[in-house]
Structure formats: C-alpha cells, structure tokens
PDB file of N, CA and C in Angstrom:
ATOM      1  N   MET A   1      16.662 113.990 157.819  1.00  0.00           N
ATOM      2  CA  MET A   1      17.485 113.590 158.752  1.00  0.00           C
ATOM      3  C   MET A   1      18.648 113.779 158.897  1.00  0.00           C
ATOM      4  N   SER A   2      19.321 112.587 157.616  1.00  0.00           N
ATOM      5  CA  SER A   2      20.707 113.029 157.039  1.00  0.00           C
ATOM      6  C   SER A   2      21.662 114.253 156.996  1.00  0.00           C
ATOM      7  N   VAL A   3      20.693 115.173 156.858  1.00  0.00           N
ATOM      8  CA  VAL A   3      21.352 116.742 156.904  1.00  0.00           C
ATOM      9  C   VAL A   3      21.804 116.938 158.432  1.00  0.00           C
ATOM     10  N   ILE A   4      20.826 116.554 159.317  1.00  0.00           N
ATOM     11  CA  ILE A   4      20.894 116.725 160.623  1.00  0.00           C
ATOM     12  C   ILE A   4      22.150 116.228 161.013  1.00  0.00           C
ATOM     13  N   ILE A   5      22.476 114.883 161.026  1.00  0.00           N
ATOM     14  CA  ILE A   5      23.423 114.467 161.239  1.00  0.00           C
ATOM     15  C   ILE A   5      24.895 115.025 160.845  1.00  0.00           C
ATOM     16  N   LEU A   6      24.697 114.992 159.123  1.00  0.00           N
ATOM     17  CA  LEU A   6      25.575 116.201 159.149  1.00  0.00           C
ATOM     18  C   LEU A   6      26.363 116.974 159.649  1.00  0.00           C
ATOM     19  N   ALA A   7      25.315 117.730 160.017  1.00  0.00           N
ATOM     20  CA  ALA A   7      25.956 118.719 160.702  1.00  0.00           C
ATOM     21  C   ALA A   7      26.070 118.983 161.991  1.00  0.00           C
ATOM     22  N   PHE A   8      25.607 117.606 162.286  1.00  0.00           N
ATOM     23  CA  PHE A   8      25.959 117.066 164.075  1.00  0.00           C
ATOM     24  C   PHE A   8      27.494 117.014 163.987  1.00  0.00           C
ATOM     25  N   LEU A   9      27.623 116.601 163.065  1.00  0.00           N
ATOM     26  CA  LEU A   9      29.035 115.274 162.878  1.00  0.00           C
ATOM     27  C   LEU A   9      29.885 116.617 162.463  1.00  0.00           C
ATOM     28  N   ILE A  10      29.749 117.683 161.901  1.00  0.00           N
ATOM     29  CA  ILE A  10      31.076 118.577 161.414  1.00  0.00           C
ATOM     30  C   ILE A  10      30.668 119.646 162.466  1.00  0.00           C
ATOM     31  N   LEU A  11      30.341 119.781 163.264  1.00  0.00           N
ATOM     32  CA  LEU A  11      30.014 120.098 164.540  1.00  0.00           C
ATOM     33  C   LEU A  11      31.084 119.747 166.019  1.00  0.00           C
ATOM     34  N   MET A  12      30.794 118.459 165.704  1.00  0.00           N
ATOM     35  CA  MET A  12      31.465 118.135 166.803  1.00  0.00           C
ATOM     36  C   MET A  12      32.843 117.470 166.533  1.00  0.00           C
ATOM     37  N   GLY A  13      33.129 117.303 164.860  1.00  0.00           N
ATOM     38  CA  GLY A  13      34.590 117.730 164.235  1.00  0.00           C
ATOM     39  C   GLY A  13      35.281 119.020 165.107  1.00  0.00           C
ATOM     40  N   ARG A  14      34.531 120.075 164.424  1.00  0.00           N
ATOM     41  CA  ARG A  14      35.062 121.156 164.790  1.00  0.00           C
ATOM     42  C   ARG A  14      35.316 121.422 166.399  1.00  0.00           C
ATOM     43  N   LEU A  15      34.617 120.985 167.289  1.00  0.00           N
ATOM     44  CA  LEU A  15      34.546 121.418 168.993  1.00  0.00           C
ATOM     45  C   LEU A  15      36.004 120.565 169.027  1.00  0.00           C
ATOM     46  N   TRP A  16      36.233 119.067 168.083  1.00  0.00           N
ATOM     47  CA  TRP A  16      37.181 118.198 168.577  1.00  0.00           C
ATOM     48  C   TRP A  16      38.994 118.927 168.724  1.00  0.00           C
ATOM     49  N   PHE A  17      37.970 119.303 167.639  1.00  0.00           N
ATOM     50  CA  PHE A  17      39.943 120.584 166.843  1.00  0.00           C
ATOM     51  C   PHE A  17      40.091 121.875 167.644  1.00  0.00           C
ATOM     52  N   LEU A  18      39.023 122.391 168.050  1.00  0.00           N
ATOM     53  CA  LEU A  18      39.620 123.214 168.748  1.00  0.00           C
ATOM     54  C   LEU A  18      40.262 122.816 169.892  1.00  0.00           C
ATOM     55  N   GLN A  19      39.144 121.424 170.899  1.00  0.00           N
ATOM     56  CA  GLN A  19      40.235 121.422 172.232  1.00  0.00           C
ATOM     57  C   GLN A  19      41.263 120.442 171.912  1.00  0.00           C
ATOM     58  N   VAL A  20      41.498 119.358 171.065  1.00  0.00           N
ATOM     59  CA  VAL A  20      42.293 118.546 171.153  1.00  0.00           C
ATOM     60  C   VAL A  20      43.601 119.209 169.966  1.00  0.00           C
ATOM     61  N   MET A  21      43.633 119.428 169.069  1.00  0.00           N
ATOM     62  CA  MET A  21      44.216 119.669 167.947  1.00  0.00           C
ATOM     63  C   MET A  21      44.986 121.963 168.517  1.00  0.00           C
ATOM     64  N   GLU A  22      43.735 122.301 169.159  1.00  0.00           N
ATOM     65  CA  GLU A  22      44.848 123.429 169.100  1.00  0.00           C
ATOM     66  C   GLU A  22      44.065 124.218 170.156  1.00  0.00           C
ATOM     67  N   GLY A  23      43.751 123.230 171.555  1.00  0.00           N
ATOM     68  CA  GLY A  23      44.167 123.329 172.654  1.00  0.00           C
ATOM     69  C   GLY A  23      45.100 124.000 173.836  1.00  0.00           C
ATOM     70  N   LYS A  24      46.080 123.473 173.386  1.00  0.00           N
ATOM     71  CA  LYS A  24      47.208 124.553 174.107  1.00  0.00           C
ATOM     72  C   LYS A  24      47.246 126.574 173.547  1.00  0.00           C
ATOM     73  N   HIS A  25      46.746 126.238 171.749  1.00  0.00           N
ATOM     74  CA  HIS A  25      47.189 127.360 171.963  1.00  0.00           C
ATOM     75  C   HIS A  25      46.233 128.551 172.426  1.00  0.00           C
ATOM     76  N   TYR A  26      44.653 127.704 172.591  1.00  0.00           N
ATOM     77  CA  TYR A  26      43.647 129.011 172.878  1.00  0.00           C
ATOM     78  C   TYR A  26      44.051 129.212 174.387  1.00  0.00           C
ATOM     79  N   GLY A  27      44.465 127.919 175.607  1.00  0.00           N
ATOM     80  CA  GLY A  27      44.705 128.048 176.331  1.00  0.00           C
ATOM     81  C   GLY A  27      45.536 129.102 177.261  1.00  0.00           C
ATOM     82  N   GLU A  28      46.743 128.997 176.721  1.00  0.00           N
ATOM     83  CA  GLU A  28      47.799 130.547 176.544  1.00  0.00           C
ATOM     84  C   GLU A  28      47.258 131.445 175.914  1.00  0.00           C
ATOM     85  N   LEU A  29      46.642 131.690 175.116  1.00  0.00           N
ATOM     86  CA  LEU A  29      45.675 133.157 174.615  1.00  0.00           C
ATOM     87  C   LEU A  29      45.081 133.066 176.086  1.00  0.00           C
ATOM     88  N   SER A  30      44.333 132.546 176.345  1.00  0.00           N
ATOM     89  CA  SER A  30      43.310 132.504 177.976  1.00  0.00           C
ATOM     90  C   SER A  30      44.374 133.155 179.028  1.00  0.00           C
ATOM     91  N   ARG A  31      45.368 132.493 178.839  1.00  0.00           N
ATOM     92  CA  ARG A  31      46.040 132.965 179.888  1.00  0.00           C
ATOM     93  C   ARG A  31      46.196 134.319 179.803  1.00  0.00           C
ATOM     94  N   ASN A  32      47.122 135.024 178.475  1.00  0.00           N
ATOM     95  CA  ASN A  32      47.560 135.921 178.602  1.00  0.00           C
ATOM     96  C   ASN A  32      46.522 137.154 178.853  1.00  0.00           C
ATOM     97  N   ASN A  33      45.118 136.912 178.784  1.00  0.00           N
ATOM     98  CA  ASN A  33      43.998 137.607 178.460  1.00  0.00           C
ATOM     99  C   ASN A  33      43.712 137.852 180.055  1.00  0.00           C
ATOM    100  N   ARG A  34      43.815 138.591 180.548  1.00  0.00           N
ATOM    101  CA  ARG A  34      43.800 138.730 182.237  1.00  0.00           C
ATOM    102  C   ARG A  34      43.518 140.057 181.757  1.00  0.00           C
ATOM    103  N   VAL A  35      42.576 140.875 183.268  1.00  0.00           N
ATOM    104  CA  VAL A  35      42.096 141.847 183.734  1.00  0.00           C
ATOM    105  C   VAL A  35      43.375 142.823 184.265  1.00  0.00           C
ATOM    106  N   ARG A  36      43.891 143.387 184.027  1.00  0.00           N
ATOM    107  CA  ARG A  36      44.798 144.445 184.554  1.00  0.00           C
ATOM    108  C   ARG A  36      44.427 145.588 185.395  1.00  0.00           C
ATOM    109  N   LEU A  37      44.754 146.107 187.051  1.00  0.00           N
ATOM    110  CA  LEU A  37      44.406 146.907 187.470  1.00  0.00           C
ATOM    111  C   LEU A  37      45.167 147.885 187.187  1.00  0.00           C
ATOM    112  N   VAL A  38      45.196 149.238 186.655  1.00  0.00           N
ATOM    113  CA  VAL A  38      45.555 150.317 186.308  1.00  0.00           C
ATOM    114  C   VAL A  38      44.920 151.650 187.254  1.00  0.00           C
ATOM    115  N   LYS A  39      45.936 151.970 188.327  1.00  0.00           N
ATOM    116  CA  LYS A  39      45.569 153.205 189.558  1.00  0.00           C
ATOM    117  C   LYS A  39      45.756 154.602 187.991  1.00  0.00           C
ATOM    118  N   SER A  40      44.895 155.351 187.560  1.00  0.00           N
ATOM    119  CA  SER A  40      44.669 156.358 187.835  1.00  0.00           C
ATOM    120  C   SER A  40      44.155 157.841 188.558  1.00  0.00           C
ATOM    121  N   THR A  41      44.924 158.540 188.153  1.00  0.00           N
ATOM    122  CA  THR A  41      43.616 159.744 189.715  1.00  0.00           C
ATOM    123  C   THR A  41      43.303 160.398 188.751  1.00  0.00           C
ATOM    124  N   ALA A  42      42.289 160.513 189.237  1.00  0.00           N
ATOM    125  CA  ALA A  42      40.781 161.320 187.860  1.00  0.00           C
ATOM    126  C   ALA A  42      40.690 162.608 188.132  1.00  0.00           C
ATOM    127  N   PRO A  43      40.285 163.693 187.977  1.00  0.00           N
ATOM    128  CA  PRO A  43      40.191 165.098 188.312  1.00  0.00           C
ATOM    129  C   PRO A  43      39.147 165.112 188.522  1.00  0.00           C
ATOM    130  N   ARG A  44      38.822 165.871 189.792  1.00  0.00           N
ATOM    131  CA  ARG A  44      37.408 165.941 190.421  1.00  0.00           C
ATOM    132  C   ARG A  44      38.042 167.544 191.083  1.00  0.00           C
ATOM    133  N   GLY A  45      36.488 167.958 190.456  1.00  0.00           N
ATOM    134  CA  GLY A  45      36.114 169.272 191.125  1.00  0.00           C
ATOM    135  C   GLY A  45      34.722 169.717 192.423  1.00  0.00           C
ATOM    136  N   LEU A  46      34.841 170.050 192.837  1.00  0.00           N
ATOM    137  CA  LEU A  46      33.842 170.804 193.763  1.00  0.00           C
ATOM    138  C   LEU A  46      32.353 170.399 192.903  1.00  0.00           C
ATOM    139  N   ILE A  47      31.602 169.683 194.173  1.00  0.00           N
ATOM    140  CA  ILE A  47      29.978 169.949 194.023  1.00  0.00           C
ATOM    141  C   ILE A  47      29.147 171.053 194.706  1.00  0.00           C
ATOM    142  N   PHE A  48      28.248 171.268 193.835  1.00  0.00           N
ATOM    143  CA  PHE A  48      27.614 172.466 194.813  1.00  0.00           C
ATOM    144  C   PHE A  48      25.611 171.811 194.758  1.00  0.00           C
ATOM    145  N   ASP A  49      25.254 171.885 195.594  1.00  0.00           N
ATOM    146  CA  ASP A  49      23.175 172.359 195.495  1.00  0.00           C
ATOM    147  C   ASP A  49      23.094 172.503 194.977  1.00  0.00           C
ATOM    148  N   ARG A  50      21.592 173.063 194.533  1.00  0.00           N
ATOM    149  CA  ARG A  50      20.953 173.954 194.133  1.00  0.00           C
ATOM    150  C   ARG A  50      20.351 176.091 194.497  1.00  0.00           C
ATOM    151  N   ASN A  51      21.374 175.622 195.802  1.00  0.00           N
ATOM    152  CA  ASN A  51      20.967 176.586 196.938  1.00  0.00           C
ATOM    153  C   ASN A  51      23.337 177.278 196.684  1.00  0.00           C
ATOM    154  N   GLY A  52      23.702 176.103 195.873  1.00  0.00           N
ATOM    155  CA  GLY A  52      25.226 177.392 196.585  1.00  0.00           C
ATOM    156  C   GLY A  52      25.606 176.668 197.582  1.00  0.00           C
ATOM    157  N   THR A  53      25.298 175.788 198.245  1.00  0.00           N
ATOM    158  CA  THR A  53      26.112 174.729 199.006  1.00  0.00           C
ATOM    159  C   THR A  53      26.943 174.297 198.637  1.00  0.00           C
ATOM    160  N   ARG A  54      28.341 174.188 199.049  1.00  0.00           N
ATOM    161  CA  ARG A  54      28.855 173.033 198.529  1.00  0.00           C
ATOM    162  C   ARG A  54      28.644 171.736 199.836  1.00  0.00           C
ATOM    163  N   LEU A  55      29.130 170.877 198.850  1.00  0.00           N
ATOM    164  CA  LEU A  55      28.389 169.150 198.621  1.00  0.00           C
ATOM    165  C   LEU A  55      29.518 168.464 199.377  1.00  0.00           C
ATOM    166  N   ALA A  56      30.530 168.569 197.944  1.00  0.00           N
ATOM    167  CA  ALA A  56      32.137 167.787 197.809  1.00  0.00           C
ATOM    168  C   ALA A  56      33.133 167.807 197.765  1.00  0.00           C
ATOM    169  N   GLU A  57      34.366 168.944 197.954  1.00  0.00           N
ATOM    170  CA  GLU A  57      35.453 168.778 197.758  1.00  0.00           C
ATOM    171  C   GLU A  57      36.663 167.743 197.402  1.00  0.00           C
ATOM    172  N   ASN A  58      37.590 168.522 196.964  1.00  0.00           N
ATOM    173  CA  ASN A  58      38.525 167.859 197.021  1.00  0.00           C
ATOM    174  C   ASN A  58      39.315 167.600 198.000  1.00  0.00           C
ATOM    175  N   ARG A  59      40.448 166.739 198.469  1.00  0.00           N
ATOM    176  CA  ARG A  59      40.988 166.354 199.608  1.00  0.00           C
ATOM    177  C   ARG A  59      42.268 166.409 199.160  1.00  0.00           C
TER     178      ARG A  59
END
C-alpha cells in the first residue's frame, strides 16, 4: 500500500513541477509548434483507362 502511495506522490510532484515550474516554457513550445500550410505544385500526368481512353489531363 505504501508503494502505491509513494508512486502516486511522485507522479503528482512531477505533474506539479511541469505545470507550475515549467509551464511557461512548455506553453511557449506549444505556441511555436503550429501547422504551417505550404503550397507546392505537384507534377501531374495523364490518366488513361484500360482501353487507352484519356480520363484526366493537366490543365
């Protein structure tokens, strides 16, 4: 029983440390970790069906 209580206290202490003591640091890291949209043109080709009929082409 005391091992479980000790493990729980260690876990709570670590969570407190991360939230209170290091919160600003990790908050800044999360603000800088955003998704950026980058437009890039992909080379496309012609698409044919099994009979050789063109289904799609470049514009």
